[in-house]
């Protein structure tokens, strides 16, 4: 169980980095839009951010559940 929890933590860390990167790109896109330099961020980018963060959060919840079980 502990090994699975540790792997899930590594998976969450990777997913969190992907989500954070997408969030930075979205933040930059909104800043460029606000400065009248570009159109608003695309639906595809917003969906990418939403999906990436959702996956990362799901993996974090699973890792926390597994760690709690391993501690019992």
PDB file of N, CA and C in Angstrom:
ATOM      1  N   UNK A   1       0.829  -1.196   0.000  1.00  0.00           N
ATOM      2  CA  UNK A   1       0.000   0.000   0.000  1.00  0.00           C
ATOM      3  C   UNK A   1       0.872   1.258   0.000  1.00  0.00           C
ATOM      4  N   UNK A   2       1.941   1.236   0.786  1.00  0.00           N
ATOM      5  CA  UNK A   2       2.813   2.410   0.856  1.00  0.00           C
ATOM      6  C   UNK A   2       3.463   2.688  -0.494  1.00  0.00           C
ATOM      7  N   UNK A   3       3.882   1.625  -1.200  1.00  0.00           N
ATOM      8  CA  UNK A   3       4.498   1.807  -2.520  1.00  0.00           C
ATOM      9  C   UNK A   3       3.511   2.473  -3.482  1.00  0.00           C
ATOM     10  N   UNK A   4       2.258   2.018  -3.461  1.00  0.00           N
ATOM     11  CA  UNK A   4       1.232   2.614  -4.321  1.00  0.00           C
ATOM     12  C   UNK A   4       1.016   4.080  -3.955  1.00  0.00           C
ATOM     13  N   UNK A   5       1.009   4.380  -2.674  1.00  0.00           N
ATOM     14  CA  UNK A   5       0.846   5.773  -2.234  1.00  0.00           C
ATOM     15  C   UNK A   5       2.005   6.627  -2.727  1.00  0.00           C
ATOM     16  N   UNK A   6       3.217   6.110  -2.615  1.00  0.00           N
ATOM     17  CA  UNK A   6       4.390   6.864  -3.069  1.00  0.00           C
ATOM     18  C   UNK A   6       4.348   7.100  -4.577  1.00  0.00           C
ATOM     19  N   UNK A   7       3.921   6.093  -5.338  1.00  0.00           N
ATOM     20  CA  UNK A   7       3.803   6.263  -6.790  1.00  0.00           C
ATOM     21  C   UNK A   7       2.725   7.288  -7.118  1.00  0.00           C
ATOM     22  N   UNK A   8       1.634   7.250  -6.383  1.00  0.00           N
ATOM     23  CA  UNK A   8       0.553   8.210  -6.615  1.00  0.00           C
ATOM     24  C   UNK A   8       1.012   9.625  -6.292  1.00  0.00           C
ATOM     25  N   UNK A   9       1.837   9.777  -5.270  1.00  0.00           N
ATOM     26  CA  UNK A   9       2.398  11.099  -4.956  1.00  0.00           C
ATOM     27  C   UNK A   9       3.270  11.581  -6.110  1.00  0.00           C
ATOM     28  N   UNK A  10       4.095  10.700  -6.660  1.00  0.00           N
ATOM     29  CA  UNK A  10       4.928  11.096  -7.811  1.00  0.00           C
ATOM     30  C   UNK A  10       4.057  11.463  -9.013  1.00  0.00           C
ATOM     31  N   UNK A  11       2.991  10.690  -9.227  1.00  0.00           N
ATOM     32  CA  UNK A  11       2.067  11.003 -10.324  1.00  0.00           C
ATOM     33  C   UNK A  11       1.403  12.357 -10.098  1.00  0.00           C
ATOM     34  N   UNK A  12       1.002  12.631  -8.849  1.00  0.00           N
ATOM     35  CA  UNK A  12       0.391  13.926  -8.537  1.00  0.00           C
ATOM     36  C   UNK A  12       1.378  15.065  -8.782  1.00  0.00           C
ATOM     37  N   UNK A  13       2.634  14.878  -8.365  1.00  0.00           N
ATOM     38  CA  UNK A  13       3.631  15.936  -8.554  1.00  0.00           C
ATOM     39  C   UNK A  13       3.816  16.254 -10.036  1.00  0.00           C
ATOM     40  N   UNK A  14       3.859  15.219 -10.868  1.00  0.00           N
ATOM     41  CA  UNK A  14       4.000  15.440 -12.310  1.00  0.00           C
ATOM     42  C   UNK A  14       2.763  16.147 -12.864  1.00  0.00           C
ATOM     43  N   UNK A  15       1.585  15.689 -12.465  1.00  0.00           N
ATOM     44  CA  UNK A  15       0.346  16.308 -12.940  1.00  0.00           C
ATOM     45  C   UNK A  15       0.222  17.745 -12.446  1.00  0.00           C
ATOM     46  N   UNK A  16       0.669  18.003 -11.227  1.00  0.00           N
ATOM     47  CA  UNK A  16       0.616  19.354 -10.679  1.00  0.00           C
ATOM     48  C   UNK A  16       1.529  20.293 -11.461  1.00  0.00           C
ATOM     49  N   UNK A  17       2.689  19.812 -11.857  1.00  0.00           N
ATOM     50  CA  UNK A  17       3.604  20.650 -12.646  1.00  0.00           C
ATOM     51  C   UNK A  17       2.995  20.965 -14.012  1.00  0.00           C
ATOM     52  N   UNK A  18       2.367  19.980 -14.629  1.00  0.00           N
ATOM     53  CA  UNK A  18       1.699  20.210 -15.916  1.00  0.00           C
ATOM     54  C   UNK A  18       0.577  21.237 -15.746  1.00  0.00           C
ATOM     55  N   UNK A  19      -0.224  21.077 -14.697  1.00  0.00           N
ATOM     56  CA  UNK A  19      -1.323  22.017 -14.443  1.00  0.00           C
ATOM     57  C   UNK A  19      -0.791  23.417 -14.158  1.00  0.00           C
ATOM     58  N   UNK A  20       0.260  23.506 -13.370  1.00  0.00           N
ATOM     59  CA  UNK A  20       0.838  24.819 -13.048  1.00  0.00           C
ATOM     60  C   UNK A  20       1.369  25.511 -14.296  1.00  0.00           C
ATOM     61  N   UNK A  21       1.990  24.745 -15.167  1.00  0.00           N
ATOM     62  CA  UNK A  21       2.497  25.306 -16.417  1.00  0.00           C
ATOM     63  C   UNK A  21       1.348  25.832 -17.278  1.00  0.00           C
ATOM     64  N   UNK A  22       0.291  25.060 -17.382  1.00  0.00           N
ATOM     65  CA  UNK A  22      -0.875  25.496 -18.154  1.00  0.00           C
ATOM     66  C   UNK A  22      -1.499  26.736 -17.521  1.00  0.00           C
ATOM     67  N   UNK A  23      -1.558  26.774 -16.200  1.00  0.00           N
ATOM     68  CA  UNK A  23      -2.107  27.948 -15.508  1.00  0.00           C
ATOM     69  C   UNK A  23      -1.263  29.189 -15.762  1.00  0.00           C
ATOM     70  N   UNK A  24       0.049  29.029 -15.813  1.00  0.00           N
ATOM     71  CA  UNK A  24       0.919  30.179 -16.122  1.00  0.00           C
ATOM     72  C   UNK A  24       0.654  30.684 -17.544  1.00  0.00           C
ATOM     73  N   UNK A  25       0.497  29.746 -18.486  1.00  0.00           N
ATOM     74  CA  UNK A  25       0.196  30.166 -19.862  1.00  0.00           C
ATOM     75  C   UNK A  25      -1.145  30.887 -19.934  1.00  0.00           C
ATOM     76  N   UNK A  26      -2.130  30.416 -19.189  1.00  0.00           N
ATOM     77  CA  UNK A  26      -3.435  31.073 -19.176  1.00  0.00           C
ATOM     78  C   UNK A  26      -3.334  32.462 -18.543  1.00  0.00           C
ATOM     79  N   UNK A  27      -2.598  32.568 -17.456  1.00  0.00           N
ATOM     80  CA  UNK A  27      -2.396  33.873 -16.808  1.00  0.00           C
ATOM     81  C   UNK A  27      -1.743  34.850 -17.780  1.00  0.00           C
ATOM     82  N   UNK A  28      -0.721  34.387 -18.497  1.00  0.00           N
ATOM     83  CA  UNK A  28      -0.048  35.244 -19.477  1.00  0.00           C
ATOM     84  C   UNK A  28      -0.995  35.643 -20.606  1.00  0.00           C
ATOM     85  N   UNK A  29      -1.834  34.710 -21.029  1.00  0.00           N
ATOM     86  CA  UNK A  29      -2.789  35.007 -22.102  1.00  0.00           C
ATOM     87  C   UNK A  29      -3.797  36.064 -21.648  1.00  0.00           C
ATOM     88  N   UNK A  30      -4.267  35.956 -20.413  1.00  0.00           N
ATOM     89  CA  UNK A  30      -5.201  36.969 -19.904  1.00  0.00           C
ATOM     90  C   UNK A  30      -4.517  38.326 -19.767  1.00  0.00           C
ATOM     91  N   UNK A  31      -3.264  38.324 -19.343  1.00  0.00           N
ATOM     92  CA  UNK A  31      -2.527  39.590 -19.217  1.00  0.00           C
ATOM     93  C   UNK A  31      -2.348  40.241 -20.583  1.00  0.00           C
ATOM     94  N   UNK A  32      -2.037  39.441 -21.585  1.00  0.00           N
ATOM     95  CA  UNK A  32      -1.882  39.979 -22.941  1.00  0.00           C
ATOM     96  C   UNK A  32      -3.215  40.519 -23.453  1.00  0.00           C
ATOM     97  N   UNK A  33      -4.298  39.837 -23.150  1.00  0.00           N
ATOM     98  CA  UNK A  33      -5.623  40.311 -23.543  1.00  0.00           C
ATOM     99  C   UNK A  33      -5.943  41.633 -22.846  1.00  0.00           C
ATOM    100  N   UNK A  34      -5.662  41.709 -21.555  1.00  0.00           N
ATOM    101  CA  UNK A  34      -5.949  42.929 -20.790  1.00  0.00           C
ATOM    102  C   UNK A  34      -5.146  44.117 -21.302  1.00  0.00           C
ATOM    103  N   UNK A  35      -3.976  43.838 -21.841  1.00  0.00           N
ATOM    104  CA  UNK A  35      -3.127  44.907 -22.376  1.00  0.00           C
ATOM    105  C   UNK A  35      -3.449  45.203 -23.840  1.00  0.00           C
ATOM    106  N   UNK A  36      -4.540  44.637 -24.325  1.00  0.00           N
ATOM    107  CA  UNK A  36      -4.982  44.848 -25.710  1.00  0.00           C
ATOM    108  C   UNK A  36      -3.964  44.382 -26.744  1.00  0.00           C
ATOM    109  N   UNK A  37      -3.196  43.359 -26.395  1.00  0.00           N
ATOM    110  CA  UNK A  37      -2.203  42.855 -27.341  1.00  0.00           C
ATOM    111  C   UNK A  37      -2.652  41.588 -28.052  1.00  0.00           C
ATOM    112  N   UNK A  38      -3.634  40.904 -27.482  1.00  0.00           N
ATOM    113  CA  UNK A  38      -4.060  39.624 -28.055  1.00  0.00           C
ATOM    114  C   UNK A  38      -5.544  39.409 -27.789  1.00  0.00           C
ATOM    115  N   UNK A  39      -6.131  38.481 -28.544  1.00  0.00           N
ATOM    116  CA  UNK A  39      -7.516  38.103 -28.230  1.00  0.00           C
ATOM    117  C   UNK A  39      -7.556  37.336 -26.901  1.00  0.00           C
ATOM    118  N   UNK A  40      -8.745  37.134 -26.367  1.00  0.00           N
ATOM    119  CA  UNK A  40      -8.826  36.395 -25.098  1.00  0.00           C
ATOM    120  C   UNK A  40      -8.305  34.966 -25.265  1.00  0.00           C
ATOM    121  N   UNK A  41      -7.969  34.327 -24.157  1.00  0.00           N
ATOM    122  CA  UNK A  41      -7.489  32.945 -24.237  1.00  0.00           C
ATOM    123  C   UNK A  41      -8.530  32.048 -24.910  1.00  0.00           C
ATOM    124  N   UNK A  42      -8.039  31.055 -25.593  1.00  0.00           N
ATOM    125  CA  UNK A  42      -8.941  30.149 -26.311  1.00  0.00           C
ATOM    126  C   UNK A  42      -9.671  29.220 -25.345  1.00  0.00           C
ATOM    127  N   UNK A  43     -10.797  28.731 -25.800  1.00  0.00           N
ATOM    128  CA  UNK A  43     -11.537  27.741 -25.025  1.00  0.00           C
ATOM    129  C   UNK A  43     -10.671  26.508 -24.811  1.00  0.00           C
ATOM    130  N   UNK A  44      -9.875  26.152 -25.806  1.00  0.00           N
ATOM    131  CA  UNK A  44      -9.011  24.977 -25.690  1.00  0.00           C
ATOM    132  C   UNK A  44      -8.010  25.138 -24.545  1.00  0.00           C
ATOM    133  N   UNK A  45      -7.421  26.337 -24.423  1.00  0.00           N
ATOM    134  CA  UNK A  45      -6.470  26.571 -23.338  1.00  0.00           C
ATOM    135  C   UNK A  45      -7.184  26.528 -21.990  1.00  0.00           C
ATOM    136  N   UNK A  46      -8.350  27.153 -21.909  1.00  0.00           N
ATOM    137  CA  UNK A  46      -9.089  27.127 -20.646  1.00  0.00           C
ATOM    138  C   UNK A  46      -9.500  25.702 -20.279  1.00  0.00           C
ATOM    139  N   UNK A  47      -9.912  24.916 -21.274  1.00  0.00           N
ATOM    140  CA  UNK A  47     -10.250  23.514 -21.015  1.00  0.00           C
ATOM    141  C   UNK A  47      -9.021  22.720 -20.584  1.00  0.00           C
ATOM    142  N   UNK A  48      -7.889  22.984 -21.217  1.00  0.00           N
ATOM    143  CA  UNK A  48      -6.646  22.304 -20.845  1.00  0.00           C
ATOM    144  C   UNK A  48      -6.301  22.572 -19.383  1.00  0.00           C
ATOM    145  N   UNK A  49      -6.411  23.825 -18.977  1.00  0.00           N
ATOM    146  CA  UNK A  49      -6.115  24.193 -17.591  1.00  0.00           C
ATOM    147  C   UNK A  49      -7.088  23.495 -16.642  1.00  0.00           C
ATOM    148  N   UNK A  50      -8.348  23.545 -16.968  1.00  0.00           N
ATOM    149  CA  UNK A  50      -9.358  22.927 -16.115  1.00  0.00           C
ATOM    150  C   UNK A  50      -9.128  21.426 -15.977  1.00  0.00           C
ATOM    151  N   UNK A  51      -8.890  20.762 -17.088  1.00  0.00           N
ATOM    152  CA  UNK A  51      -8.681  19.314 -17.059  1.00  0.00           C
ATOM    153  C   UNK A  51      -7.395  18.940 -16.335  1.00  0.00           C
ATOM    154  N   UNK A  52      -6.336  19.694 -16.573  1.00  0.00           N
ATOM    155  CA  UNK A  52      -5.054  19.395 -15.930  1.00  0.00           C
ATOM    156  C   UNK A  52      -5.152  19.581 -14.419  1.00  0.00           C
ATOM    157  N   UNK A  53      -5.796  20.658 -13.983  1.00  0.00           N
ATOM    158  CA  UNK A  53      -5.925  20.896 -12.543  1.00  0.00           C
ATOM    159  C   UNK A  53      -6.842  19.853 -11.909  1.00  0.00           C
ATOM    160  N   UNK A  54      -7.890  19.474 -12.615  1.00  0.00           N
ATOM    161  CA  UNK A  54      -8.797  18.449 -12.104  1.00  0.00           C
ATOM    162  C   UNK A  54      -8.062  17.122 -11.903  1.00  0.00           C
ATOM    163  N   UNK A  55      -7.247  16.735 -12.871  1.00  0.00           N
ATOM    164  CA  UNK A  55      -6.471  15.501 -12.745  1.00  0.00           C
ATOM    165  C   UNK A  55      -5.507  15.591 -11.569  1.00  0.00           C
ATOM    166  N   UNK A  56      -4.796  16.702 -11.451  1.00  0.00           N
ATOM    167  CA  UNK A  56      -3.844  16.863 -10.349  1.00  0.00           C
ATOM    168  C   UNK A  56      -4.564  16.791  -9.000  1.00  0.00           C
ATOM    169  N   UNK A  57      -5.699  17.444  -8.885  1.00  0.00           N
ATOM    170  CA  UNK A  57      -6.449  17.411  -7.624  1.00  0.00           C
ATOM    171  C   UNK A  57      -6.942  16.005  -7.309  1.00  0.00           C
ATOM    172  N   UNK A  58      -7.386  15.301  -8.331  1.00  0.00           N
ATOM    173  CA  UNK A  58      -7.843  13.926  -8.141  1.00  0.00           C
ATOM    174  C   UNK A  58      -6.707  13.036  -7.645  1.00  0.00           C
ATOM    175  N   UNK A  59      -5.538  13.186  -8.239  1.00  0.00           N
ATOM    176  CA  UNK A  59      -4.385  12.394  -7.811  1.00  0.00           C
ATOM    177  C   UNK A  59      -3.954  12.759  -6.393  1.00  0.00           C
ATOM    178  N   UNK A  60      -4.024  14.025  -6.045  1.00  0.00           N
ATOM    179  CA  UNK A  60      -3.689  14.439  -4.685  1.00  0.00           C
ATOM    180  C   UNK A  60      -4.653  13.806  -3.685  1.00  0.00           C
ATOM    181  N   UNK A  61      -5.935  13.846  -3.985  1.00  0.00           N
ATOM    182  CA  UNK A  61      -6.920  13.228  -3.093  1.00  0.00           C
ATOM    183  C   UNK A  61      -6.660  11.734  -2.940  1.00  0.00           C
ATOM    184  N   UNK A  62      -6.338  11.071  -4.035  1.00  0.00           N
ATOM    185  CA  UNK A  62      -6.048   9.637  -3.987  1.00  0.00           C
ATOM    186  C   UNK A  62      -4.782   9.368  -3.173  1.00  0.00           C
ATOM    187  N   UNK A  63      -3.764  10.172  -3.344  1.00  0.00           N
ATOM    188  CA  UNK A  63      -2.525  10.005  -2.580  1.00  0.00           C
ATOM    189  C   UNK A  63      -2.787  10.187  -1.086  1.00  0.00           C
ATOM    190  N   UNK A  64      -3.577  11.177  -0.737  1.00  0.00           N
ATOM    191  CA  UNK A  64      -3.888  11.403   0.676  1.00  0.00           C
ATOM    192  C   UNK A  64      -4.681  10.230   1.247  1.00  0.00           C
ATOM    193  N   UNK A  65      -5.610   9.695   0.473  1.00  0.00           N
ATOM    194  CA  UNK A  65      -6.390   8.539   0.923  1.00  0.00           C
ATOM    195  C   UNK A  65      -5.479   7.333   1.142  1.00  0.00           C
ATOM    196  N   UNK A  66      -4.585   7.085   0.196  1.00  0.00           N
ATOM    197  CA  UNK A  66      -3.674   5.945   0.311  1.00  0.00           C
ATOM    198  C   UNK A  66      -2.714   6.103   1.486  1.00  0.00           C
ATOM    199  N   UNK A  67      -2.230   7.313   1.705  1.00  0.00           N
ATOM    200  CA  UNK A  67      -1.329   7.547   2.838  1.00  0.00           C
ATOM    201  C   UNK A  67      -2.065   7.334   4.165  1.00  0.00           C
ATOM    202  N   UNK A  68      -3.313   7.749   4.228  1.00  0.00           N
ATOM    203  CA  UNK A  68      -4.102   7.538   5.447  1.00  0.00           C
ATOM    204  C   UNK A  68      -4.304   6.045   5.690  1.00  0.00           C
ATOM    205  N   UNK A  69      -4.588   5.296   4.632  1.00  0.00           N
ATOM    206  CA  UNK A  69      -4.751   3.844   4.771  1.00  0.00           C
ATOM    207  C   UNK A  69      -3.445   3.186   5.190  1.00  0.00           C
ATOM    208  N   UNK A  70      -2.338   3.639   4.639  1.00  0.00           N
ATOM    209  CA  UNK A  70      -1.037   3.049   4.966  1.00  0.00           C
ATOM    210  C   UNK A  70      -0.665   3.316   6.419  1.00  0.00           C
ATOM    211  N   UNK A  71      -1.167   4.408   6.971  1.00  0.00           N
ATOM    212  CA  UNK A  71      -0.838   4.770   8.351  1.00  0.00           C
ATOM    213  C   UNK A  71      -1.639   3.959   9.366  1.00  0.00           C
ATOM    214  N   UNK A  72      -2.686   3.302   8.919  1.00  0.00           N
ATOM    215  CA  UNK A  72      -3.535   2.533   9.857  1.00  0.00           C
ATOM    216  C   UNK A  72      -2.870   1.267  10.302  1.00  0.00           C
TER     217      UNK A  72
END
